[in-house]
Amino acid sequence: MISLAGISSIETERLVLRAPQGADWDSWRAFAVSNRARFIGGAMDDGMAWRAFGHAIGHWALRGYGSFIFTLKGSDQAIGMVGPWHPFDWPEREIGWTIWRTEYEGRGLAYEASLAARQHAYDTLGWDTAVSYIHPDNHRSIALAKRLGAHLDEDAAWPQGEPCETYRHPSPDAVRAGIAA
């Protein structure tokens, strides 16, 4: 299968964040068609799952950045997706995350991956702010956003469609100063 070329990976203590590749389709599809995807517009049918996966890969070509697939070091099995994200019609740039398989929940992996992705957005992409758009019933993602130092920004716009709350991440300066996660 074809893979995206020239995209650097990011390593954390336990994880590798890398570009999405065609071989990730089966893991993405299993997540996207399940109830686990309910907070991101799912459960999807196979056609919608295919288009959503293509959107994730195409974002890299159109924006020059996108969401990373994250894996445990020493394995190339996709655990989930995390990273900078800004579809054409969204009001702000987002740090988003999904864990695709239940056995990886509650281990701090999404937190570790999100910290690295946000640092990449701030230091490499030069972002001065970031938000996370979260369905109000997605309590696990809200808890993660708060652990990352984000706060509910009731005045911020959000993408049309699903119910959504906007969580504003601390500024790059606040993160560097250790004021936030």
Protein backbone atom coordinates (compact mmCIF):
# COMPACT_ATOMS: atom_id res chain seq x y z
CA MET A 1 0.00 0.00 0.00
CA ILE A 2 1.03 3.58 -0.54
CA SER A 3 2.17 5.63 2.44
CA LEU A 4 2.77 9.33 2.93
CA ALA A 5 6.43 10.21 2.42
CA GLY A 6 8.56 12.83 4.11
CA ILE A 7 6.57 13.11 7.34
CA SER A 8 8.68 12.86 10.45
CA SER A 9 7.52 10.74 13.34
CA ILE A 10 7.44 11.85 16.95
CA GLU A 11 8.58 9.59 19.78
CA THR A 12 7.48 9.83 23.39
CA GLU A 13 8.40 7.61 26.33
CA ARG A 14 6.05 4.82 25.20
CA LEU A 15 4.70 5.85 21.79
CA VAL A 16 5.50 6.60 18.18
CA LEU A 17 3.31 9.16 16.40
CA ARG A 18 3.57 8.67 12.65
CA ALA A 19 1.77 9.52 9.44
CA PRO A 20 -1.33 7.49 8.61
CA GLN A 21 -0.84 4.73 6.07
CA GLY A 22 -3.08 2.43 4.10
CA ALA A 23 -2.29 -0.47 6.42
CA ASP A 24 -4.13 1.41 9.21
CA TRP A 25 -7.46 1.05 7.38
CA ASP A 26 -8.55 -2.16 9.12
CA SER A 27 -7.96 -0.72 12.60
CA TRP A 28 -9.66 2.57 11.68
CA ARG A 29 -12.61 0.76 10.09
CA ALA A 30 -13.17 -1.44 13.16
CA PHE A 31 -13.31 1.72 15.28
CA ALA A 32 -15.33 3.86 12.86
CA VAL A 33 -18.17 1.38 12.33
CA SER A 34 -18.50 0.67 16.06
CA ASN A 35 -20.31 2.56 18.78
CA ARG A 36 -16.88 3.78 19.93
CA ALA A 37 -17.09 6.38 17.13
CA ARG A 38 -20.38 7.81 18.39
CA PHE A 39 -18.80 11.10 19.48
CA ILE A 40 -17.18 11.78 16.10
CA GLY A 41 -20.22 11.21 13.91
CA GLY A 42 -20.32 7.38 13.98
CA ALA A 43 -21.03 4.59 14.05
CA MET A 44 -20.32 4.97 10.34
CA ASP A 45 -21.13 2.66 7.49
CA ASP A 46 -18.18 1.33 5.49
CA GLY A 47 -18.48 4.06 2.85
CA MET A 48 -18.45 6.89 5.38
CA ALA A 49 -15.59 5.24 7.27
CA TRP A 50 -13.62 5.09 4.01
CA ARG A 51 -14.26 8.76 3.25
CA ALA A 52 -13.35 9.80 6.81
CA PHE A 53 -10.07 7.87 6.62
CA GLY A 54 -9.34 9.50 3.26
CA HIS A 55 -10.06 12.87 4.86
CA ALA A 56 -7.44 12.16 7.54
CA ILE A 57 -4.83 11.23 4.95
CA GLY A 58 -5.79 14.04 2.56
CA HIS A 59 -5.50 16.65 5.32
CA TRP A 60 -1.72 16.11 5.19
CA ALA A 61 -1.63 16.88 1.47
CA LEU A 62 -3.89 19.93 1.71
CA ARG A 63 -2.55 21.52 4.91
CA GLY A 64 0.97 20.11 5.18
CA TYR A 65 0.13 18.62 8.59
CA GLY A 66 -2.50 16.39 10.07
CA SER A 67 -3.38 13.81 12.63
CA PHE A 68 -0.82 11.17 13.49
CA ILE A 69 -1.47 7.50 14.05
CA PHE A 70 0.01 6.47 17.37
CA THR A 71 1.45 3.08 18.21
CA LEU A 72 3.36 1.56 21.09
CA LYS A 73 7.12 1.62 20.55
CA GLY A 74 8.19 -1.64 18.98
CA SER A 75 4.79 -2.22 17.37
CA ASP A 76 3.20 -0.76 14.28
CA GLN A 77 -0.35 -1.64 15.38
CA ALA A 78 -2.45 1.53 15.35
CA ILE A 79 -3.90 2.42 18.75
CA GLY A 80 -5.58 5.64 17.71
CA MET A 81 -5.20 9.00 16.05
CA VAL A 82 -4.06 12.31 17.54
CA GLY A 83 -2.93 15.65 16.32
CA PRO A 84 -3.35 18.99 14.70
CA TRP A 85 -6.49 19.23 12.62
CA HIS A 86 -8.20 22.07 10.75
CA PRO A 87 -10.83 21.13 8.17
CA PHE A 88 -11.66 23.90 5.71
CA ASP A 89 -14.91 25.04 7.35
CA TRP A 90 -13.89 24.80 11.03
CA PRO A 91 -13.49 28.07 12.92
CA GLU A 92 -10.20 27.16 14.65
CA ARG A 93 -7.31 24.73 14.59
CA GLU A 94 -7.86 21.71 16.80
CA ILE A 95 -5.86 19.14 18.69
CA GLY A 96 -7.99 16.02 18.38
CA TRP A 97 -7.67 12.46 19.63
CA THR A 98 -9.31 9.07 19.42
CA ILE A 99 -8.44 5.73 20.99
CA TRP A 100 -9.52 2.99 18.63
CA ARG A 101 -9.42 -0.03 20.95
CA THR A 102 -10.80 -0.38 24.47
CA GLU A 103 -7.79 -2.29 25.81
CA TYR A 104 -5.70 0.88 25.48
CA GLU A 105 -8.02 3.14 27.48
CA GLY A 106 -7.11 4.26 30.97
CA ARG A 107 -3.36 3.87 30.48
CA GLY A 108 -2.51 7.54 29.84
CA LEU A 109 -1.65 6.88 26.20
CA ALA A 110 -4.05 9.48 24.76
CA TYR A 111 -2.64 12.01 27.25
CA GLU A 112 0.96 11.21 26.27
CA ALA A 113 0.12 11.35 22.56
CA SER A 114 -1.88 14.58 22.91
CA LEU A 115 0.91 16.35 24.80
CA ALA A 116 3.34 15.47 22.01
CA ALA A 117 0.90 16.49 19.28
CA ARG A 118 0.17 19.83 20.94
CA GLN A 119 3.89 20.49 21.41
CA HIS A 120 4.36 19.74 17.71
CA ALA A 121 1.57 22.19 16.80
CA TYR A 122 3.10 24.92 18.94
CA ASP A 123 6.81 24.40 18.28
CA THR A 124 6.90 23.05 14.72
CA LEU A 125 3.75 24.48 13.16
CA GLY A 126 3.93 27.78 15.04
CA TRP A 127 0.39 27.72 16.40
CA ASP A 128 -0.32 30.31 19.09
CA THR A 129 -3.59 28.72 20.22
CA ALA A 130 -5.45 25.44 19.90
CA VAL A 131 -8.84 24.09 20.85
CA SER A 132 -10.41 20.66 21.16
CA TYR A 133 -14.00 20.25 19.99
CA ILE A 134 -15.71 17.68 22.21
CA HIS A 135 -19.23 16.28 22.28
CA PRO A 136 -20.77 17.31 25.64
CA ASP A 137 -21.51 13.66 26.52
CA ASN A 138 -17.93 12.51 25.89
CA HIS A 139 -16.86 12.65 29.52
CA ARG A 140 -13.58 10.79 28.96
CA SER A 141 -12.42 13.33 26.35
CA ILE A 142 -13.54 16.24 28.52
CA ALA A 143 -11.49 14.81 31.40
CA LEU A 144 -8.48 14.46 29.08
CA ALA A 145 -8.86 18.04 27.84
CA LYS A 146 -8.89 19.27 31.44
CA ARG A 147 -5.85 17.11 32.28
CA LEU A 148 -4.10 18.81 29.36
CA GLY A 149 -4.88 22.18 30.99
CA ALA A 150 -7.68 23.11 28.57
CA HIS A 151 -10.74 24.95 29.81
CA LEU A 152 -14.27 25.30 28.44
CA ASP A 153 -14.43 28.40 26.24
CA GLU A 154 -18.14 29.17 26.09
CA ASP A 155 -17.58 32.15 23.76
CA ALA A 156 -15.72 30.18 21.08
CA ALA A 157 -17.36 29.08 17.86
CA TRP A 158 -17.56 25.40 17.00
CA PRO A 159 -18.07 23.35 13.83
CA GLN A 160 -21.62 22.93 12.62
CA GLY A 161 -23.36 19.59 13.02
CA GLU A 162 -23.03 17.53 16.15
CA PRO A 163 -23.42 19.09 19.61
CA CYS A 164 -20.04 20.40 20.67
CA GLU A 165 -18.14 22.19 23.41
CA THR A 166 -14.91 24.05 22.73
CA TYR A 167 -12.01 23.47 25.12
CA ARG A 168 -9.22 26.04 24.82
CA HIS A 169 -5.70 24.79 25.42
CA PRO A 170 -3.17 26.84 27.35
CA SER A 171 -0.95 29.08 25.24
CA PRO A 172 2.48 27.92 24.12
CA ASP A 173 4.06 30.29 26.65
CA ALA A 174 1.97 28.85 29.49
CA VAL A 175 2.89 25.32 28.47
CA ARG A 176 6.61 26.20 28.27
CA ALA A 177 6.46 27.89 31.67
CA GLY A 178 4.94 24.77 33.18
CA ILE A 179 1.73 26.60 34.11
CA ALA A 180 -0.31 23.97 32.29
CA ALA A 181 0.15 20.32 31.39
